[in-house]
């Protein structure tokens, strides 16, 4: 069964992961989003109670 011989598959696996970690991964990690979300401050929250006038 040629599928069980690890020689070509192991080399291909190691080579592909080396390319991925050396070239692709740093490019992906350098990506930044143009507008980072900011958390709303707690002081801006309204303290008014909602009035359910229709009940």
Protein backbone atom coordinates (compact mmCIF):
# COMPACT_ATOMS: atom_id res chain seq x y z
CA UNK A 1 0.00 0.00 0.00
CA UNK A 2 1.84 3.14 -1.15
CA UNK A 3 -0.31 5.46 0.99
CA UNK A 4 1.29 4.11 4.15
CA UNK A 5 4.84 4.98 3.11
CA UNK A 6 5.51 8.23 5.03
CA UNK A 7 8.51 9.41 3.01
CA UNK A 8 6.87 11.68 0.38
CA UNK A 9 3.89 12.68 2.56
CA UNK A 10 5.95 13.62 5.58
CA UNK A 11 8.28 15.79 3.52
CA UNK A 12 5.33 17.49 1.84
CA UNK A 13 3.66 18.13 5.18
CA UNK A 14 6.79 19.63 6.71
CA UNK A 15 7.47 21.75 3.62
CA UNK A 16 3.92 23.12 3.44
CA UNK A 17 3.85 24.02 7.16
CA UNK A 18 7.25 25.69 6.84
CA UNK A 19 5.95 27.87 4.01
CA UNK A 20 2.79 28.63 5.94
CA UNK A 21 4.57 29.69 9.13
CA UNK A 22 7.35 31.60 7.37
CA UNK A 23 5.42 33.48 4.68
CA UNK A 24 1.67 33.42 5.12
CA UNK A 25 1.32 33.70 8.90
CA UNK A 26 3.33 36.94 9.36
CA UNK A 27 1.33 38.60 6.57
CA UNK A 28 -1.93 37.65 8.21
CA UNK A 29 -0.78 38.80 11.64
CA UNK A 30 0.28 42.22 10.29
CA UNK A 31 -3.26 42.94 9.10
CA UNK A 32 -5.09 45.55 11.13
CA UNK A 33 -8.67 46.62 10.95
CA UNK A 34 -9.25 50.25 9.93
CA UNK A 35 -11.74 51.08 12.67
CA UNK A 36 -11.31 49.38 16.01
CA UNK A 37 -14.48 49.22 18.09
CA UNK A 38 -14.50 51.22 21.29
CA UNK A 39 -16.38 50.25 24.37
CA UNK A 40 -19.11 52.66 25.43
CA UNK A 41 -18.49 54.33 28.74
CA UNK A 42 -20.85 53.61 31.59
CA UNK A 43 -21.43 57.31 32.21
CA UNK A 44 -23.22 57.74 28.90
CA UNK A 45 -25.86 55.19 29.73
CA UNK A 46 -29.29 56.57 30.37
CA UNK A 47 -30.72 56.00 33.84
CA UNK A 48 -34.28 56.78 32.78
CA UNK A 49 -36.83 54.06 33.20
CA UNK A 50 -38.80 53.08 30.12
CA UNK A 51 -42.42 54.00 30.45
CA UNK A 52 -44.75 51.33 29.05
CA UNK A 53 -47.71 53.63 28.57
CA UNK A 54 -49.77 51.20 26.49
CA UNK A 55 -50.12 48.65 29.31
